[in-house]
Protein backbone atom coordinates (compact mmCIF):
# COMPACT_ATOMS: atom_id res chain seq x y z
CA MET A 1 95.27 108.21 93.29
CA LYS A 2 92.10 109.50 94.79
CA GLN A 3 90.50 106.61 96.54
CA THR A 4 86.61 106.67 95.44
CA TRP A 5 83.83 104.14 96.02
CA ARG A 6 80.79 103.36 93.82
CA TRP A 7 77.47 103.94 95.18
CA PHE A 8 74.18 103.00 93.35
CA GLY A 9 71.93 105.74 95.03
CA PRO A 10 69.32 105.21 97.54
CA ALA A 11 68.68 101.78 96.42
CA ASP A 12 72.09 100.76 97.38
CA GLU A 13 72.23 98.52 100.47
CA ILE A 14 75.40 100.26 101.59
CA SER A 15 74.84 103.78 103.04
CA ILE A 16 77.00 106.93 102.53
CA ALA A 17 77.48 106.75 106.32
CA GLU A 18 79.00 103.33 105.92
CA ILE A 19 81.31 104.39 102.93
CA ARG A 20 82.59 107.44 105.09
CA GLN A 21 84.10 104.78 107.43
CA THR A 22 85.97 103.13 104.65
CA GLY A 23 88.15 106.14 104.18
CA ALA A 24 86.97 106.68 100.73
CA GLU A 25 87.52 110.20 99.62
CA GLY A 26 84.94 110.38 97.00
CA ILE A 27 81.84 108.83 95.31
CA VAL A 28 81.36 107.24 91.96
CA SER A 29 77.72 107.06 90.88
CA ALA A 30 75.19 107.34 88.02
CA LEU A 31 71.59 108.12 87.44
CA HIS A 32 70.62 104.51 86.72
CA HIS A 33 66.83 105.16 86.66
CA ILE A 34 67.12 107.36 83.65
CA PRO A 35 66.85 105.21 80.44
CA PRO A 36 69.65 105.38 77.83
CA GLY A 37 69.00 108.10 75.42
CA ASP A 38 67.12 110.50 77.83
CA VAL A 39 68.69 113.71 79.21
CA TRP A 40 70.15 113.84 82.67
CA THR A 41 68.42 117.08 83.87
CA PRO A 42 69.93 119.63 86.18
CA ASP A 43 67.45 118.68 88.75
CA GLU A 44 68.12 114.96 88.75
CA ILE A 45 71.95 115.79 88.94
CA ALA A 46 71.51 118.00 91.70
CA ARG A 47 69.23 115.46 93.69
CA ARG A 48 72.01 112.70 93.33
CA GLN A 49 74.82 115.30 94.45
CA ASP A 50 72.62 116.15 97.51
CA GLN A 51 71.99 112.47 98.37
CA VAL A 52 75.81 112.13 98.40
CA ALA A 53 76.76 115.25 100.15
CA ARG A 54 73.93 115.38 102.71
CA PRO A 55 72.18 112.12 102.94
CA ASP A 56 70.55 112.77 106.41
CA GLY A 57 70.46 116.44 106.17
CA LYS A 58 74.12 116.83 107.53
CA PRO A 59 77.26 117.22 105.52
CA SER A 60 78.86 113.81 104.70
CA GLY A 61 82.17 115.23 103.77
CA LEU A 62 81.97 113.30 100.31
CA ALA A 63 81.10 114.49 96.90
CA TRP A 64 79.82 112.79 93.71
CA ASP A 65 83.35 112.99 91.78
CA VAL A 66 82.91 110.43 88.88
CA VAL A 67 79.94 109.45 86.69
CA GLU A 68 79.75 105.64 85.97
CA SER A 69 78.03 105.45 83.60
CA LEU A 70 76.35 107.91 81.22
CA PRO A 71 75.01 105.10 79.09
CA VAL A 72 75.43 104.89 75.28
CA SER A 73 72.22 103.77 73.77
CA GLU A 74 71.80 100.75 71.50
CA ALA A 75 70.63 103.20 68.72
CA ILE A 76 73.95 104.94 68.95
CA LYS A 77 75.87 101.83 68.95
CA THR A 78 74.04 100.37 65.75
CA GLN A 79 73.43 103.62 64.19
CA THR A 80 69.86 102.73 63.71
CA GLY A 81 66.57 104.28 65.02
CA PRO A 82 66.61 107.55 67.19
CA VAL A 83 70.50 108.13 66.77
CA LYS A 84 70.36 112.03 66.39
CA PRO A 85 68.04 112.53 69.44
CA HIS A 86 69.97 110.39 71.52
CA LEU A 87 73.26 112.14 70.66
CA ASP A 88 71.57 115.44 71.41
CA ALA A 89 70.51 114.07 74.86
CA TYR A 90 73.98 112.78 75.52
CA ARG A 91 75.49 116.22 74.60
CA GLU A 92 72.95 117.90 76.91
CA SER A 93 73.62 115.63 79.65
CA LEU A 94 77.36 116.49 79.41
CA ARG A 95 76.52 120.18 79.56
CA ASN A 96 74.28 119.60 82.71
CA LEU A 97 77.09 117.61 84.53
CA ALA A 98 79.65 120.20 83.48
CA ALA A 99 77.50 122.94 84.92
CA ALA A 100 77.21 120.89 88.13
CA GLY A 101 80.86 120.66 88.57
CA ILE A 102 81.33 117.00 87.59
CA SER A 103 84.23 116.35 84.97
CA THR A 104 84.84 112.69 84.71
CA VAL A 105 82.47 110.53 82.75
CA CYS A 106 82.85 106.83 82.34
CA TYR A 107 80.79 104.97 79.59
CA ASN A 108 81.11 101.77 77.69
CA PHE A 109 80.39 100.48 74.07
CA MET A 110 79.60 96.96 74.80
CA PRO A 111 76.75 95.73 72.44
CA VAL A 112 73.44 94.48 73.89
CA LEU A 113 74.90 92.93 77.24
CA ASP A 114 76.78 94.88 79.51
CA TRP A 115 79.24 93.21 81.84
CA THR A 116 78.30 89.36 82.18
CA ARG A 117 78.63 86.80 84.63
CA THR A 118 77.16 83.17 84.82
CA GLU A 119 77.07 82.93 88.83
CA LEU A 120 76.72 85.83 91.07
CA SER A 121 77.52 84.18 94.43
CA ALA A 122 79.98 81.40 93.95
CA PRO A 123 81.44 79.81 97.01
CA MET A 124 85.16 80.35 97.53
CA PRO A 125 87.84 78.17 99.43
CA ASN A 126 87.97 80.99 102.26
CA GLY A 127 84.36 80.77 102.93
CA GLY A 128 83.53 83.88 100.95
CA ARG A 129 81.64 84.06 97.77
CA ALA A 130 82.42 85.73 94.52
CA MET A 131 81.04 86.25 90.87
CA ARG A 132 82.43 83.92 88.18
CA PHE A 133 82.03 83.35 84.57
CA ASP A 134 81.98 79.84 83.44
CA LEU A 135 82.44 79.19 79.78
CA VAL A 136 80.44 75.85 79.85
CA GLN A 137 77.69 77.57 81.49
CA PHE A 138 77.63 80.35 79.22
CA CYS A 139 77.55 77.94 76.18
CA VAL A 140 74.56 76.24 77.91
CA PHE A 141 72.71 79.45 77.88
CA ASP A 142 73.67 80.51 74.44
CA ARG A 143 73.10 77.28 72.67
CA PHE A 144 70.43 75.58 74.85
CA ILE A 145 68.43 78.31 76.69
CA LEU A 146 68.68 81.04 74.04
CA ASN A 147 68.94 78.88 71.09
CA ARG A 148 70.81 81.74 69.18
CA PRO A 149 71.10 80.69 65.56
CA GLY A 150 74.72 80.02 64.85
CA ALA A 151 75.70 79.32 68.27
CA GLY A 152 76.55 75.77 67.39
CA GLU A 153 79.31 77.21 65.15
CA ASP A 154 80.85 79.29 67.82
CA TYR A 155 82.14 76.51 70.20
CA PRO A 156 84.26 73.34 69.54
CA GLU A 157 82.54 70.01 69.70
CA PHE A 158 83.95 69.03 73.06
CA LEU A 159 82.48 72.16 74.78
CA LEU A 160 79.08 71.82 73.03
CA SER A 161 78.95 68.13 74.33
CA GLU A 162 79.92 69.18 77.73
CA ALA A 163 77.27 71.91 77.66
CA GLU A 164 74.59 69.59 76.40
CA ALA A 165 75.18 67.22 79.37
CA VAL A 166 74.91 70.06 81.73
CA PHE A 167 71.85 71.38 80.28
CA ALA A 168 70.16 68.17 80.35
CA GLY A 169 70.83 67.56 83.94
CA MET A 170 69.72 71.12 85.16
CA SER A 171 66.23 71.73 86.62
CA ASP A 172 63.94 74.36 85.26
CA ALA A 173 64.65 76.47 88.08
CA ALA A 174 68.40 76.27 87.49
CA ARG A 175 67.97 77.21 83.88
CA ALA A 176 65.84 80.14 84.65
CA GLN A 177 68.41 81.25 87.23
CA LEU A 178 71.36 80.97 84.69
CA ALA A 179 69.19 83.09 82.09
CA ASP A 180 68.36 85.69 84.79
CA ASN A 181 72.02 85.99 85.90
CA ILE A 182 73.04 86.75 82.31
CA VAL A 183 70.39 88.82 80.83
CA ALA A 184 68.50 90.57 83.75
CA GLY A 185 71.16 93.03 84.35
CA LEU A 186 74.14 93.32 86.88
CA PRO A 187 74.66 96.59 88.92
CA GLY A 188 75.34 99.44 86.69
CA ALA A 189 74.36 97.65 83.55
CA ASN A 190 72.62 100.04 80.92
CA ASP A 191 69.52 97.94 80.23
CA THR A 192 67.68 95.00 81.60
CA TRP A 193 66.68 92.36 79.03
CA THR A 194 64.34 89.42 78.66
CA LEU A 195 65.41 86.54 76.61
CA GLU A 196 62.99 88.05 73.84
CA ASP A 197 64.72 91.33 74.11
CA VAL A 198 68.24 89.72 73.50
CA CYS A 199 67.12 87.89 70.56
CA HIS A 200 65.68 91.10 69.01
CA HIS A 201 68.64 93.08 69.82
CA LEU A 202 71.12 90.49 68.55
CA GLY A 203 69.46 90.73 65.11
CA THR A 204 70.42 94.45 64.94
CA TYR A 205 73.96 93.50 64.81
CA ASP A 206 73.60 90.95 61.94
CA ALA A 207 75.53 93.33 59.60
CA ILE A 208 77.83 94.89 62.26
CA ASP A 209 81.31 93.25 62.54
CA ALA A 210 84.18 94.53 64.80
CA ASP A 211 85.44 96.95 62.12
CA ARG A 212 82.02 98.64 61.73
CA LEU A 213 81.25 98.76 65.52
CA ARG A 214 84.61 100.40 65.95
CA GLY A 215 83.71 102.94 63.19
CA HIS A 216 80.41 103.63 65.11
CA LEU A 217 82.50 104.32 68.27
CA VAL A 218 84.77 106.72 66.58
CA ASP A 219 81.78 108.38 64.92
CA PHE A 220 80.14 108.86 68.36
CA LEU A 221 83.23 110.34 70.02
CA SER A 222 83.82 112.66 66.89
CA LYS A 223 80.45 114.01 67.81
CA VAL A 224 80.64 114.26 71.68
CA VAL A 225 84.37 114.63 72.40
CA PRO A 226 84.67 118.33 70.82
CA LEU A 227 81.95 119.42 73.31
CA ALA A 228 83.53 117.56 76.16
CA GLU A 229 86.77 119.14 75.63
CA GLU A 230 84.99 122.46 75.60
CA LEU A 231 83.27 121.76 78.76
CA GLY A 232 86.48 120.46 80.50
CA ILE A 233 84.90 116.80 80.77
CA ARG A 234 87.13 113.82 80.52
CA LEU A 235 85.23 110.93 78.88
CA CYS A 236 86.81 107.44 79.64
CA CYS A 237 85.67 104.20 78.02
CA HIS A 238 85.38 101.02 80.14
CA PRO A 239 86.78 97.96 78.51
CA ASP A 240 84.62 94.79 77.42
CA ASP A 241 84.00 92.58 80.16
CA PRO A 242 84.73 89.81 79.66
CA PRO A 243 87.16 90.87 77.01
CA PHE A 244 86.04 88.51 74.07
CA SER A 245 83.07 88.11 71.97
CA LEU A 246 79.86 86.74 73.52
CA LEU A 247 76.68 85.57 71.57
CA GLY A 248 78.48 86.23 68.22
CA LEU A 249 78.59 89.91 68.98
CA PRO A 250 81.79 91.97 67.94
CA ARG A 251 83.86 93.49 70.82
CA VAL A 252 86.12 96.52 70.09
CA MET A 253 87.71 97.60 73.56
CA SER A 254 89.15 94.52 74.88
CA CYS A 255 92.92 94.91 74.72
CA GLU A 256 95.76 97.53 74.76
CA ASP A 257 95.83 97.76 70.95
CA ASP A 258 92.05 98.45 70.78
CA TYR A 259 92.44 101.39 73.04
CA ALA A 260 95.51 102.76 71.20
CA ARG A 261 93.57 102.67 67.82
CA VAL A 262 90.63 104.60 69.34
CA MET A 263 92.85 107.01 71.22
CA GLU A 264 94.66 107.77 67.86
CA ALA A 265 91.49 108.09 66.02
CA VAL A 266 90.08 110.88 68.13
CA ASP A 267 93.20 112.60 69.65
CA SER A 268 91.93 114.85 72.57
CA PRO A 269 92.48 115.01 76.19
CA ALA A 270 88.81 114.62 76.48
CA ASN A 271 88.84 111.29 74.97
CA GLY A 272 90.32 108.80 77.44
CA ILE A 273 90.36 105.34 79.28
CA THR A 274 88.64 103.66 82.21
CA PHE A 275 91.62 101.34 83.21
CA CYS A 276 90.05 98.39 84.59
CA THR A 277 92.46 95.74 85.43
CA GLY A 278 89.93 93.00 86.24
CA SER A 279 88.18 93.19 82.68
CA LEU A 280 91.53 93.47 80.69
CA GLY A 281 93.31 90.95 83.06
CA VAL A 282 91.16 88.01 81.91
CA ALA A 283 93.06 88.09 78.63
CA GLU A 284 96.33 86.06 78.96
CA ASP A 285 98.38 88.55 77.39
CA PHE A 286 97.47 91.60 79.58
CA ASP A 287 100.26 93.28 81.19
CA GLY A 288 98.95 96.28 83.40
CA ALA A 289 102.17 98.02 83.79
CA ARG A 290 102.83 97.93 80.11
CA PHE A 291 99.47 99.22 79.39
CA VAL A 292 99.97 102.16 81.75
CA THR A 293 103.45 103.03 80.10
CA ARG A 294 102.12 103.02 76.85
CA LEU A 295 98.70 104.71 77.27
CA GLY A 296 98.98 106.37 80.68
CA PRO A 297 98.40 110.02 79.49
CA HIS A 298 94.85 108.93 78.37
CA ILE A 299 93.77 107.20 81.58
CA HIS A 300 91.10 109.22 83.35
CA PHE A 301 89.65 106.71 85.75
CA VAL A 302 90.97 103.62 87.28
CA HIS A 303 89.14 100.23 88.46
CA LEU A 304 91.59 98.24 90.56
CA ARG A 305 90.31 94.77 90.78
CA ASN A 306 91.62 91.18 89.92
CA THR A 307 90.49 88.02 88.45
CA ARG A 308 91.84 84.57 88.03
CA ARG A 309 91.39 82.36 84.98
CA VAL A 310 90.34 79.00 85.52
CA GLY A 311 91.40 76.03 83.26
CA ALA A 312 92.48 76.25 79.71
CA GLY A 313 91.29 78.95 77.25
CA VAL A 314 88.99 78.16 74.22
CA ASP A 315 89.69 80.25 71.20
CA GLY A 316 90.79 83.08 73.46
CA ARG A 317 87.93 82.74 75.85
CA HIS A 318 88.38 81.83 79.57
CA SER A 319 86.34 80.79 82.53
CA PHE A 320 87.46 82.96 85.45
CA PHE A 321 86.26 84.22 88.89
CA GLU A 322 86.68 87.64 90.88
CA SER A 323 89.64 87.00 92.99
CA GLU A 324 91.12 88.77 96.09
CA HIS A 325 92.74 92.30 94.78
CA LEU A 326 96.34 91.21 95.39
CA ASP A 327 95.89 87.47 94.50
CA GLY A 328 94.80 87.27 90.69
CA ASP A 329 96.43 87.10 87.37
CA THR A 330 97.33 90.77 87.22
CA ASP A 331 100.30 91.89 88.95
CA MET A 332 98.64 94.65 91.14
CA VAL A 333 101.80 95.88 92.50
CA ALA A 334 103.57 96.56 89.24
CA THR A 335 100.54 98.07 87.86
CA ILE A 336 100.06 100.55 90.83
CA ARG A 337 103.86 101.41 90.53
CA ALA A 338 103.23 102.42 86.93
CA LEU A 339 100.15 104.34 87.84
CA LEU A 340 102.00 106.40 90.61
CA ALA A 341 104.75 107.06 88.00
CA GLU A 342 102.24 108.33 85.46
CA GLU A 343 100.78 110.58 88.26
CA ALA A 344 104.28 111.96 89.01
CA ARG A 345 104.90 112.45 85.37
CA ARG A 346 101.47 114.57 85.08
CA ARG A 347 102.46 116.57 88.08
CA ALA A 348 105.94 117.48 86.80
CA GLU A 349 104.14 118.43 83.43
CA GLY A 350 101.68 120.83 85.32
CA ARG A 351 98.48 118.77 84.38
CA ALA A 352 95.54 119.83 86.51
CA ASP A 353 94.11 116.25 86.56
CA TRP A 354 97.41 114.69 87.76
CA LYS A 355 95.64 112.91 90.50
CA ILE A 356 93.69 109.83 88.95
CA PRO A 357 90.45 108.70 90.58
CA MET A 358 90.38 104.88 91.35
CA ARG A 359 88.15 102.64 93.14
CA PRO A 360 88.29 99.05 94.44
CA ASP A 361 86.14 97.33 91.99
CA HIS A 362 84.14 94.40 92.96
CA GLY A 363 85.25 92.16 95.74
CA GLN A 364 84.32 88.89 97.25
CA SER A 365 81.61 88.72 99.97
CA LEU A 366 83.11 88.23 103.28
CA LEU A 367 82.03 88.01 107.00
CA SER A 368 78.87 90.23 107.66
CA ASP A 369 78.55 90.65 103.81
CA LEU A 370 77.14 87.00 103.95
CA ASP A 371 74.43 88.08 106.39
CA ARG A 372 72.96 91.15 104.51
CA PRO A 373 71.73 91.79 101.16
CA VAL A 374 74.37 93.09 98.78
CA MET A 375 74.41 93.98 95.06
CA PRO A 376 76.55 91.30 93.32
CA GLY A 377 80.36 92.20 93.15
CA TYR A 378 79.61 95.06 95.55
CA PRO A 379 79.97 94.06 98.96
CA LEU A 380 80.92 96.30 102.00
CA ILE A 381 83.65 94.13 103.77
CA GLY A 382 85.05 92.59 100.62
CA ARG A 383 85.67 95.86 99.01
CA LEU A 384 86.86 97.34 102.13
CA ARG A 385 89.45 94.62 102.33
CA GLY A 386 90.44 95.41 98.84
CA LEU A 387 90.64 99.43 99.42
CA ALA A 388 92.87 98.64 102.40
CA GLU A 389 95.15 96.31 100.56
CA LEU A 390 95.36 98.64 97.65
CA ARG A 391 95.75 101.76 99.96
CA GLY A 392 98.72 99.79 101.60
CA VAL A 393 100.49 99.11 98.21
CA MET A 394 100.16 102.81 97.27
CA ALA A 395 101.56 104.02 100.61
CA ALA A 396 104.47 101.61 100.52
CA LEU A 397 105.36 102.57 96.79
CA GLY A 398 104.53 106.26 97.44
CA ASN A 399 107.35 106.24 100.21
């Protein structure tokens, strides 16, 4: 697999020069300053490419290989408002990316909130820090801070009682911090919301259940995949994170069967999967090797990270934290073995895209990470450790 590294552009605390020292072979990035629904122009794309390739006026040896993400607007997801101009902008952005030589484009179809955590820097037993999602804390936010109508019916009584006691003991600052962690937007999120924004957008999903949202996804793909195939672009959908319903919203890319349905509905080499073992691995029945064996030909991009569930699940929902890359609930060695077998199969088949780009996703803040500002989930040393471990597994299995 091609070893890549996510970089958030000039605002990223980690420089291209530092990334070079990790041994990464390519860069994953996006134009986060361009709102969903707007066109990524040739000039903006070229500017980011130059920031990667020549950050200080000298060649870095790196290139922008993967887009993560070209955001799908809420208008497209709900099929309300400026749907046509947003679709036109999406297609134009794909044309411009293809003209710039970029062919792998990740996106997601999560409604309202992108990936969600309740704590961004939780202390770990090893002295490091990591992100975590706590179901009680999320219930505090949903039922007692956001006061979402119907939230009381979405949680069992014991969980509501525990959340009420936690909420009562929180200071105003702690309540504000919890809300900010959830709605202000994490790195790479498509939008940044206020509580009022969240309430407004939740209302746009009142009549949208999972079947209808999946239909909107298939409709979106039917309008962009033919062009992507023509351009030689590989679109790949990131799974829901976490892989279960939040705020009463539907989720449609949370498990292996969800992906199988969408791949079958829009059967094209341009319609594919961002295989994130951390997001999918929160579910108790996830089996990474089985997923690759079943859907491997559709995998265009891989996020290798690990999570560990905490406590018992509640109606399929779990608390969890970002674990070390080889020490979570996902069997990373078996998963990588299956991915390498998929690459070998593609190579024998003569596929030009046999080498799958991967990146060490997320990571615990370790050592000097603790003494410098880093984006939540994206420390230097923690991800470097993860990349080194994953690289070792790939080297061992490859031999």
